């Protein structure tokens, strides 16, 4: 015998559970809410007694399925059963199902509002499935074909083969027009909350907490623009590229700390972590620093060499902090998904705060565009990228953007823009879905850029080149 506890009869088990269920309940770790009751909580005693009784009935009926002796205390029966005794899978199912269903039914009995909400939720869920399931049956194969053809095109280019029109999906993606998926009212509140998006205040706080870094705020917007123009020009970006991408990404009047969703008011709700003239995400900041940190540090050291006194000491201190952040960003493989994970941490937020610094931020914003220019050159594209072409690489990623750049003009009005996006990105991007061919998307991008040149922020940037 592996255990020292004697085997209980069905009658003993029933009496035990009847007694315990009537008396004050102890901790019930498998209850739907994990509630701990005590003698002073008569309300909890009344609430959980029916649940414990139902467990007793199921344990009694399942007695013959138990392969080990059952302990003779309620604490062990609930808290130690799985820990100390081996039980067949069937008994686990018999226990879990009534516990969950009894708990949910009990919650609905004590909260009529929840019962009505659950009924409405089930009705809406059925309506959603009726509309969404047929759509999904079409959408999944469509987006799978997008991914397969993208791999084919990339492979053909690597092998020096010509990409043809039939190498693209030439039909538009299906569009879901049914009701939204309803929210389960019985789900924990935490599960129903939207993922928190850090804002500038969070970035500053994280920078101070994790790296003792306080971004150096420019005296005014023109000071930051001047620093950006100096870095961008030295790196080889043209005025057209820098200004027109700024117009498209930051609206033509965007400030150095403008965040997506907060362009008009900082009291609104951020829709992403995209920040600055070229709207870098936290992942972008981590990736740029990981890949180009050595170049940025070299430029900062060169600037420090021209300074003296307190100004040099302050920049030297900043360089040491940037170096620590650079090392942090290199703690994972050079991979977008890995950088994304770092970007979602508070230390990643701290790295993102570098965009707010007048010395470092212009380097990050510049390198976000410069890496695309370099990518195209390495692929053999020697002509200067137009601002719209550069924005395609900025918007869709270098590989997809380059696919657009080198596409023959006669194909551009035939190829849907869905070919250059992941499904989620496309469905969240109304610009791409409205302008649903390459020709339309390029024309719309150029149009936004042209109109935005009349705004004062764009004029200021033009005047500094």
Protein backbone atom coordinates (compact mmCIF):
# COMPACT_ATOMS: atom_id res chain seq x y z
CA UNK A 1 0.00 0.00 0.00
CA UNK A 2 1.49 3.37 -1.08
CA UNK A 3 -0.60 5.49 1.30
CA UNK A 4 -1.20 5.18 4.99
CA UNK A 5 -4.78 6.42 4.94
CA UNK A 6 -7.46 3.69 5.11
CA UNK A 7 -9.81 3.25 2.15
CA UNK A 8 -13.17 4.94 2.81
CA UNK A 9 -16.51 3.38 2.05
CA UNK A 10 -19.14 5.17 -0.02
CA UNK A 11 -21.19 5.78 3.11
CA UNK A 12 -18.21 7.29 5.01
CA UNK A 13 -17.42 9.56 2.12
CA UNK A 14 -21.01 10.74 1.82
CA UNK A 15 -21.22 11.47 5.56
CA UNK A 16 -17.91 13.36 5.44
CA UNK A 17 -18.99 15.59 2.58
CA UNK A 18 -22.46 16.11 3.99
CA UNK A 19 -20.98 17.20 7.32
CA UNK A 20 -18.39 19.44 5.79
CA UNK A 21 -20.82 20.98 3.33
CA UNK A 22 -23.25 21.91 6.09
CA UNK A 23 -20.51 23.24 8.36
CA UNK A 24 -18.31 26.25 7.67
CA UNK A 25 -16.52 25.66 4.34
CA UNK A 26 -12.76 25.71 4.20
CA UNK A 27 -10.61 26.93 1.31
CA UNK A 28 -11.89 25.54 -1.95
CA UNK A 29 -9.03 25.92 -4.44
CA UNK A 30 -11.08 24.59 -7.32
CA UNK A 31 -14.00 26.97 -6.85
CA UNK A 32 -14.66 29.31 -9.79
CA UNK A 33 -13.49 32.33 -7.82
CA UNK A 34 -10.99 30.62 -5.52
CA UNK A 35 -12.93 31.92 -2.50
CA UNK A 36 -11.60 31.52 1.02
CA UNK A 37 -14.44 31.40 3.51
CA UNK A 38 -14.32 31.34 7.28
CA UNK A 39 -16.68 31.00 10.24
CA UNK A 40 -17.60 34.68 10.20
CA UNK A 41 -18.80 34.58 6.60
CA UNK A 42 -22.20 32.92 6.82
CA UNK A 43 -23.03 34.29 3.40
CA UNK A 44 -20.14 32.36 1.84
CA UNK A 45 -21.15 29.28 3.81
CA UNK A 46 -24.62 29.40 2.29
CA UNK A 47 -23.20 30.09 -1.17
CA UNK A 48 -20.74 27.22 -1.33
CA UNK A 49 -22.69 24.54 0.58
CA UNK A 50 -24.66 23.49 -2.53
CA UNK A 51 -21.44 23.26 -4.52
CA UNK A 52 -19.78 21.08 -1.89
CA UNK A 53 -22.82 18.86 -1.72
CA UNK A 54 -22.73 18.36 -5.47
CA UNK A 55 -19.04 17.47 -5.22
CA UNK A 56 -19.91 14.96 -2.51
CA UNK A 57 -22.51 13.32 -4.71
CA UNK A 58 -20.10 13.02 -7.61
CA UNK A 59 -17.27 11.75 -5.44
CA UNK A 60 -19.58 9.15 -4.00
CA UNK A 61 -20.83 7.99 -7.40
CA UNK A 62 -17.26 7.88 -8.69
CA UNK A 63 -15.85 6.05 -5.68
CA UNK A 64 -15.11 2.85 -7.57
CA UNK A 65 -12.90 4.74 -10.03
CA UNK A 66 -10.42 5.90 -7.42
CA UNK A 67 -7.20 3.91 -7.57
CA UNK A 68 -5.69 5.20 -4.33
CA UNK A 69 -7.04 5.57 -0.78
CA UNK A 70 -8.98 8.75 -0.20
CA UNK A 71 -7.79 10.89 2.72
CA UNK A 72 -10.18 11.43 5.56
CA UNK A 73 -9.95 15.21 5.88
CA UNK A 74 -11.70 17.78 3.77
CA UNK A 75 -8.48 19.75 3.37
CA UNK A 76 -6.81 16.74 1.76
CA UNK A 77 -9.90 15.83 -0.18
CA UNK A 78 -9.86 19.22 -1.89
CA UNK A 79 -6.32 20.55 -1.55
CA UNK A 80 -4.25 17.41 -1.47
CA UNK A 81 -6.17 15.00 -3.66
CA UNK A 82 -4.24 15.79 -6.82
CA UNK A 83 -0.99 16.38 -4.97
CA UNK A 84 -0.70 13.20 -2.95
CA UNK A 85 -2.95 10.65 -4.64
CA UNK A 86 -3.12 9.31 -8.16
CA UNK A 87 -6.61 9.55 -9.63
CA UNK A 88 -7.90 8.28 -12.91
CA UNK A 89 -8.69 10.87 -15.57
CA UNK A 90 -12.36 10.02 -15.40
CA UNK A 91 -12.69 11.08 -11.76
CA UNK A 92 -10.97 14.39 -12.54
CA UNK A 93 -13.55 15.06 -15.20
CA UNK A 94 -16.41 14.12 -12.92
CA UNK A 95 -15.17 16.53 -10.27
CA UNK A 96 -14.25 19.45 -12.53
CA UNK A 97 -17.41 19.57 -14.61
CA UNK A 98 -19.94 19.83 -11.76
CA UNK A 99 -17.71 22.25 -9.89
CA UNK A 100 -17.55 24.65 -12.81
CA UNK A 101 -21.17 24.28 -13.86
CA UNK A 102 -22.44 24.45 -10.28
CA UNK A 103 -20.30 27.51 -9.62
CA UNK A 104 -21.49 29.30 -12.74
CA UNK A 105 -25.13 28.38 -12.10
CA UNK A 106 -24.78 29.54 -8.49
CA UNK A 107 -23.24 32.83 -9.59
CA UNK A 108 -26.11 33.38 -11.99
CA UNK A 109 -28.66 32.54 -9.30
CA UNK A 110 -27.14 35.11 -6.92
CA UNK A 111 -26.74 37.68 -9.72
CA UNK A 112 -29.81 37.81 -12.00
CA UNK A 113 -28.10 40.55 -14.01
CA UNK A 114 -25.29 38.19 -14.94
CA UNK A 115 -27.79 35.52 -15.98
CA UNK A 116 -29.51 37.95 -18.35
CA UNK A 117 -26.15 39.17 -19.64
CA UNK A 118 -25.02 35.59 -20.30
CA UNK A 119 -28.19 34.86 -22.22
CA UNK A 120 -27.64 37.95 -24.36
CA UNK A 121 -23.96 37.02 -24.81
CA UNK A 122 -24.85 33.53 -26.03
CA UNK A 123 -27.35 35.01 -28.49
CA UNK A 124 -24.78 37.46 -29.85
CA UNK A 125 -22.10 34.76 -29.94
CA UNK A 126 -24.32 32.51 -32.06
CA UNK A 127 -24.99 35.41 -34.44
CA UNK A 128 -21.28 36.15 -34.63
CA UNK A 129 -20.41 32.53 -35.43
CA UNK A 130 -23.13 32.43 -38.09
CA UNK A 131 -21.52 35.39 -39.85
CA UNK A 132 -17.83 34.92 -39.02
CA UNK A 133 -17.35 31.20 -39.60
CA UNK A 134 -18.25 31.29 -43.32
CA UNK A 135 -16.02 34.37 -43.72
CA UNK A 136 -13.12 32.67 -41.95
CA UNK A 137 -13.49 29.62 -44.18
CA UNK A 138 -12.67 31.90 -47.12
CA UNK A 139 -10.25 34.30 -45.43
CA UNK A 140 -7.82 31.71 -44.07
CA UNK A 141 -7.05 30.10 -47.45
CA UNK A 142 -6.76 33.56 -49.01
CA UNK A 143 -4.15 34.79 -46.54
CA UNK A 144 -2.32 31.47 -46.69
CA UNK A 145 -1.99 31.94 -50.44
CA UNK A 146 -0.68 35.49 -49.86
CA UNK A 147 2.07 34.10 -47.62
CA UNK A 148 2.92 31.26 -50.03
CA UNK A 149 3.23 33.54 -53.04
CA UNK A 150 5.33 36.02 -51.06
CA UNK A 151 7.81 33.24 -50.24
CA UNK A 152 7.84 32.25 -53.90
CA UNK A 153 8.65 35.82 -55.04
CA UNK A 154 11.42 36.24 -52.50
CA UNK A 155 12.94 32.92 -53.59
CA UNK A 156 12.77 33.90 -57.27
CA UNK A 157 14.56 37.18 -56.59
CA UNK A 158 17.27 35.42 -54.58
CA UNK A 159 17.82 33.13 -57.57
CA UNK A 160 17.88 36.01 -60.06
CA UNK A 161 14.57 35.03 -61.67
CA UNK A 162 11.98 37.49 -62.96
CA UNK A 163 8.87 37.94 -60.84
CA UNK A 164 5.73 37.74 -63.00
CA UNK A 165 2.19 39.00 -62.53
CA UNK A 166 0.95 35.50 -61.70
CA UNK A 167 3.35 35.39 -58.75
CA UNK A 168 0.92 37.68 -56.91
CA UNK A 169 -2.58 37.00 -55.59
CA UNK A 170 -4.71 39.05 -57.97
CA UNK A 171 -8.03 38.98 -56.14
CA UNK A 172 -8.99 41.28 -53.28
CA UNK A 173 -9.25 39.80 -49.78
CA UNK A 174 -12.67 38.89 -48.35
CA UNK A 175 -14.18 41.52 -46.11
CA UNK A 176 -15.99 40.65 -42.89
CA UNK A 177 -19.23 42.63 -42.57
CA UNK A 178 -20.99 40.84 -39.73
CA UNK A 179 -21.39 41.74 -36.05
CA UNK A 180 -18.32 42.06 -33.79
CA UNK A 181 -17.40 39.19 -31.49
CA UNK A 182 -19.19 39.77 -28.17
CA UNK A 183 -17.37 39.99 -24.85
CA UNK A 184 -18.04 37.23 -22.33
CA UNK A 185 -19.52 39.00 -19.26
CA UNK A 186 -18.46 36.13 -17.00
CA UNK A 187 -14.78 36.46 -17.98
CA UNK A 188 -12.43 38.05 -15.42
CA UNK A 189 -12.20 41.80 -15.81
CA UNK A 190 -8.48 41.53 -16.57
CA UNK A 191 -9.21 39.39 -19.62
CA UNK A 192 -11.67 41.98 -20.92
CA UNK A 193 -9.27 44.89 -20.62
CA UNK A 194 -7.44 46.17 -23.68
CA UNK A 195 -3.70 45.76 -23.71
CA UNK A 196 -2.17 48.86 -22.15
CA UNK A 197 -0.21 51.09 -24.52
CA UNK A 198 2.51 53.12 -22.80
CA UNK A 199 2.54 56.86 -23.44
CA UNK A 200 5.35 59.41 -23.21
CA UNK A 201 5.00 59.76 -19.44
CA UNK A 202 5.44 55.99 -19.05
CA UNK A 203 8.53 56.05 -21.26
CA UNK A 204 10.13 58.79 -19.20
CA UNK A 205 9.31 57.03 -15.95
CA UNK A 206 10.78 53.73 -17.19
CA UNK A 207 13.94 55.46 -18.42
CA UNK A 208 14.52 57.04 -15.04
CA UNK A 209 13.70 53.89 -13.08
CA UNK A 210 15.74 51.39 -15.08
CA UNK A 211 18.63 53.45 -16.48
CA UNK A 212 18.59 56.66 -14.42
CA UNK A 213 18.05 58.46 -17.70
CA UNK A 214 16.17 61.72 -18.20
CA UNK A 215 15.76 62.63 -21.88
CA UNK A 216 17.17 66.06 -22.72
CA UNK A 217 14.20 68.09 -23.88
CA UNK A 218 14.86 70.53 -26.74
CA UNK A 219 14.40 74.23 -26.01
CA UNK A 220 11.75 74.27 -28.73
CA UNK A 221 10.56 72.25 -31.71
CA UNK A 222 12.95 73.99 -34.10
CA UNK A 223 15.93 72.84 -32.04
CA UNK A 224 14.88 69.21 -32.43
CA UNK A 225 14.13 69.70 -36.15
CA UNK A 226 17.55 71.28 -36.63
CA UNK A 227 19.25 68.33 -34.95
CA UNK A 228 17.22 65.91 -37.09
CA UNK A 229 18.12 67.69 -40.32
CA UNK A 230 21.83 67.64 -39.42
CA UNK A 231 21.79 63.89 -38.74
CA UNK A 232 19.57 63.02 -41.72
CA UNK A 233 21.60 65.11 -44.18
CA UNK A 234 24.89 63.66 -42.96
CA UNK A 235 23.46 60.14 -43.36
CA UNK A 236 22.48 60.81 -46.98
CA UNK A 237 18.70 61.23 -46.75
CA UNK A 238 17.38 63.79 -49.22
CA UNK A 239 15.20 66.74 -48.30
CA UNK A 240 12.33 65.22 -50.27
CA UNK A 241 12.60 61.91 -48.43
CA UNK A 242 12.87 63.38 -44.92
CA UNK A 243 10.21 66.08 -45.29
CA UNK A 244 7.59 64.12 -47.20
CA UNK A 245 7.86 61.04 -44.95
CA UNK A 246 7.55 63.38 -41.95
CA UNK A 247 4.37 64.79 -43.50
CA UNK A 248 2.91 61.34 -44.08
CA UNK A 249 3.88 59.86 -40.71
CA UNK A 250 3.51 62.85 -38.38
CA UNK A 251 0.83 64.81 -40.21
CA UNK A 252 2.97 67.75 -41.36
CA UNK A 253 2.72 69.54 -38.02
CA UNK A 254 3.70 66.72 -35.67
CA UNK A 255 6.00 67.43 -32.76
CA UNK A 256 9.09 65.43 -31.90
CA UNK A 257 7.12 63.56 -29.21
CA UNK A 258 3.88 63.06 -31.17
CA UNK A 259 2.36 59.62 -30.55
CA UNK A 260 -0.11 57.76 -32.76
CA UNK A 261 -3.65 58.49 -31.62
CA UNK A 262 -2.61 61.59 -29.67
CA UNK A 263 -1.87 63.90 -32.59
CA UNK A 264 -4.64 66.36 -31.71
CA UNK A 265 -4.80 65.96 -27.95
CA UNK A 266 -2.59 64.23 -25.41
CA UNK A 267 -5.72 63.57 -23.36
CA UNK A 268 -6.95 61.00 -25.86
CA UNK A 269 -6.05 57.33 -26.19
CA UNK A 270 -2.84 56.16 -27.84
CA UNK A 271 -3.44 53.58 -30.57
CA UNK A 272 0.17 52.38 -30.70
CA UNK A 273 3.63 53.17 -29.36
CA UNK A 274 4.59 54.89 -32.64
CA UNK A 275 6.35 58.13 -31.81
CA UNK A 276 8.21 61.01 -33.44
CA UNK A 277 8.70 62.31 -36.97
CA UNK A 278 8.93 58.83 -38.47
CA UNK A 279 6.66 57.11 -35.96
CA UNK A 280 8.97 54.46 -34.49
CA UNK A 281 7.38 51.68 -32.46
CA UNK A 282 9.05 50.37 -29.31
CA UNK A 283 10.20 47.41 -31.41
CA UNK A 284 11.74 49.78 -33.96
CA UNK A 285 13.68 51.61 -31.27
CA UNK A 286 15.02 48.38 -29.78
CA UNK A 287 15.92 47.03 -33.23
CA UNK A 288 17.60 50.21 -34.47
CA UNK A 289 19.67 50.49 -31.30
CA UNK A 290 20.61 46.80 -31.42
CA UNK A 291 21.70 47.02 -35.06
CA UNK A 292 23.02 50.58 -35.30
CA UNK A 293 23.95 51.36 -31.70
CA UNK A 294 27.65 51.27 -32.49
CA UNK A 295 27.16 53.90 -35.23
CA UNK A 296 25.05 56.10 -32.97
CA UNK A 297 27.58 55.85 -30.14
CA UNK A 298 30.39 56.77 -32.54
CA UNK A 299 28.50 59.91 -33.61
CA UNK A 300 27.79 60.87 -29.99
CA UNK A 301 31.43 60.40 -29.03
CA UNK A 302 32.49 62.57 -31.95
CA UNK A 303 30.16 65.31 -30.73
CA UNK A 304 31.42 64.95 -27.15
CA UNK A 305 34.99 65.47 -28.41
CA UNK A 306 34.01 68.98 -29.54
CA UNK A 307 32.64 69.97 -26.11
CA UNK A 308 34.22 71.02 -22.84
CA UNK A 309 33.19 71.49 -19.23
CA UNK A 310 29.70 70.60 -17.97
CA UNK A 311 28.32 70.08 -21.49
CA UNK A 312 30.93 67.41 -22.22
CA UNK A 313 30.41 65.76 -18.82
CA UNK A 314 26.65 65.61 -19.39
CA UNK A 315 27.03 64.07 -22.85
CA UNK A 316 29.62 61.59 -21.61
CA UNK A 317 27.17 60.46 -18.93
CA UNK A 318 24.46 60.12 -21.58
CA UNK A 319 26.77 58.08 -23.82
CA UNK A 320 27.41 55.64 -20.97
CA UNK A 321 23.65 55.19 -20.50
CA UNK A 322 23.06 54.70 -24.23
CA UNK A 323 25.81 52.08 -24.22
CA UNK A 324 24.04 50.19 -21.43
CA UNK A 325 20.80 50.33 -23.41
CA UNK A 326 22.66 49.13 -26.49
CA UNK A 327 23.96 46.12 -24.58
CA UNK A 328 20.45 45.42 -23.28
CA UNK A 329 19.03 45.42 -26.82
CA UNK A 330 21.69 42.92 -27.87
CA UNK A 331 20.75 40.38 -25.19
CA UNK A 332 18.46 38.63 -27.70
CA UNK A 333 19.01 37.40 -31.27
CA UNK A 334 18.71 40.03 -34.01
CA UNK A 335 15.13 39.12 -34.83
CA UNK A 336 11.98 41.26 -35.01
CA UNK A 337 9.94 39.02 -32.72
CA UNK A 338 12.70 38.96 -30.11
CA UNK A 339 13.02 42.74 -30.27
CA UNK A 340 9.26 43.00 -29.95
CA UNK A 341 9.39 41.05 -26.69
CA UNK A 342 12.04 43.42 -25.31
CA UNK A 343 10.02 46.40 -26.51
CA UNK A 344 7.06 45.29 -24.42
CA UNK A 345 9.10 45.38 -21.20
CA UNK A 346 9.66 48.48 -19.12
CA UNK A 347 13.32 48.46 -20.11
CA UNK A 348 12.15 48.44 -23.72
CA UNK A 349 10.00 51.46 -22.93
CA UNK A 350 13.10 53.12 -21.50
CA UNK A 351 14.96 52.53 -24.78
CA UNK A 352 12.00 54.04 -26.64
CA UNK A 353 12.41 57.17 -24.49
CA UNK A 354 15.67 57.87 -26.35
CA UNK A 355 13.48 59.31 -29.14
CA UNK A 356 12.60 62.15 -26.77
CA UNK A 357 16.24 63.16 -26.33
CA UNK A 358 17.52 65.94 -28.59
CA UNK A 359 20.93 64.26 -28.99
CA UNK A 360 19.88 60.63 -29.51
CA UNK A 361 16.35 60.83 -30.88
CA UNK A 362 17.30 62.28 -34.29
CA UNK A 363 19.67 59.34 -34.81
CA UNK A 364 16.95 56.76 -34.15
CA UNK A 365 14.46 58.58 -36.38
CA UNK A 366 17.04 58.86 -39.17
CA UNK A 367 18.21 55.26 -39.02
CA UNK A 368 14.62 54.03 -39.29
CA UNK A 369 14.58 55.44 -42.85
CA UNK A 370 18.25 54.96 -43.62
CA UNK A 371 18.11 51.20 -43.10
CA UNK A 372 15.49 51.00 -45.88
CA UNK A 373 17.67 53.04 -48.26
CA UNK A 374 20.63 50.77 -47.52
CA UNK A 375 18.47 47.66 -47.96
CA UNK A 376 17.43 48.76 -51.45
CA UNK A 377 21.03 49.53 -52.44
CA UNK A 378 22.19 46.12 -51.26
CA UNK A 379 19.52 44.56 -53.43
CA UNK A 380 20.98 46.39 -56.42
CA UNK A 381 18.53 49.28 -56.62
CA UNK A 382 20.79 52.26 -57.37
CA UNK A 383 18.22 54.96 -58.20
CA UNK A 384 17.21 57.35 -55.41
CA UNK A 385 14.02 56.17 -53.73
CA UNK A 386 11.11 58.55 -54.04
CA UNK A 387 9.53 59.58 -50.76
CA UNK A 388 6.47 57.44 -51.54
CA UNK A 389 8.65 54.41 -52.30
CA UNK A 390 10.60 54.94 -49.09
CA UNK A 391 7.33 55.17 -47.21
CA UNK A 392 6.23 51.84 -48.69
CA UNK A 393 9.32 50.26 -47.14
CA UNK A 394 8.65 52.11 -43.88
CA UNK A 395 4.99 51.06 -43.91
CA UNK A 396 5.20 47.43 -45.01
CA UNK A 397 8.74 46.46 -44.03
CA UNK A 398 11.86 46.49 -46.19
CA UNK A 399 11.26 43.20 -48.00
CA UNK A 400 7.63 43.94 -48.92
CA UNK A 401 8.41 47.59 -49.69
CA UNK A 402 11.22 46.63 -52.03
CA UNK A 403 8.79 44.27 -53.78
CA UNK A 404 6.64 47.34 -54.51
CA UNK A 405 9.57 49.54 -55.52
CA UNK A 406 10.84 47.19 -58.22
CA UNK A 407 7.41 46.28 -59.58
CA UNK A 408 7.00 47.28 -63.26
CA UNK A 409 4.61 50.20 -63.76
CA UNK A 410 2.24 48.17 -65.93
CA UNK A 411 1.62 45.72 -63.06
CA UNK A 412 0.94 48.24 -60.32
CA UNK A 413 -2.74 48.79 -61.07
CA UNK A 414 -3.39 45.03 -61.14
CA UNK A 415 -1.72 43.87 -57.91
CA UNK A 416 -3.73 44.18 -54.65
CA UNK A 417 -1.99 45.82 -51.70
CA UNK A 418 -2.90 42.80 -49.57
CA UNK A 419 0.14 41.05 -51.12
CA UNK A 420 2.46 43.19 -48.99
CA UNK A 421 0.87 42.93 -45.55
CA UNK A 422 0.28 40.40 -42.85
CA UNK A 423 -3.41 39.76 -42.37
CA UNK A 424 -3.72 41.61 -39.06
CA UNK A 425 -1.77 44.61 -40.32
CA UNK A 426 -3.89 44.88 -43.43
CA UNK A 427 -7.19 44.59 -41.57
CA UNK A 428 -6.11 47.36 -39.16
CA UNK A 429 -4.85 49.66 -41.93
CA UNK A 430 -7.69 51.55 -43.63
CA UNK A 431 -5.24 53.34 -45.95
CA UNK A 432 -4.11 50.04 -47.47
CA UNK A 433 -7.60 48.55 -47.69
CA UNK A 434 -9.16 51.67 -49.23
CA UNK A 435 -6.36 52.09 -51.75
CA UNK A 436 -6.37 48.44 -52.63
CA UNK A 437 -3.88 48.25 -55.51
CA UNK A 438 -0.22 49.24 -55.60
CA UNK A 439 -0.91 52.10 -58.02
CA UNK A 440 -3.69 53.49 -55.82
CA UNK A 441 -1.63 53.20 -52.63
CA UNK A 442 1.37 55.02 -54.14
CA UNK A 443 -0.88 57.74 -55.55
CA UNK A 444 -2.71 58.20 -52.23
CA UNK A 445 0.60 58.38 -50.36
CA UNK A 446 1.93 61.02 -52.76
CA UNK A 447 -1.32 62.97 -52.39
CA UNK A 448 -1.10 63.05 -48.58
CA UNK A 449 2.52 64.16 -48.80
CA UNK A 450 1.80 66.90 -51.32
CA UNK A 451 -1.07 68.39 -49.33
CA UNK A 452 0.89 68.29 -46.08
CA UNK A 453 3.74 70.37 -47.47
CA UNK A 454 1.58 73.46 -46.95
CA UNK A 455 1.60 72.97 -43.16
CA UNK A 456 3.94 74.99 -40.98
CA UNK A 457 5.79 72.03 -39.50
CA UNK A 458 6.73 70.82 -42.98
CA UNK A 459 7.73 74.34 -44.04
CA UNK A 460 10.01 74.62 -41.00
CA UNK A 461 11.70 71.35 -41.88
CA UNK A 462 12.16 72.37 -45.51
CA UNK A 463 13.75 75.66 -44.42
CA UNK A 464 16.35 73.85 -42.28
CA UNK A 465 17.72 71.69 -45.13
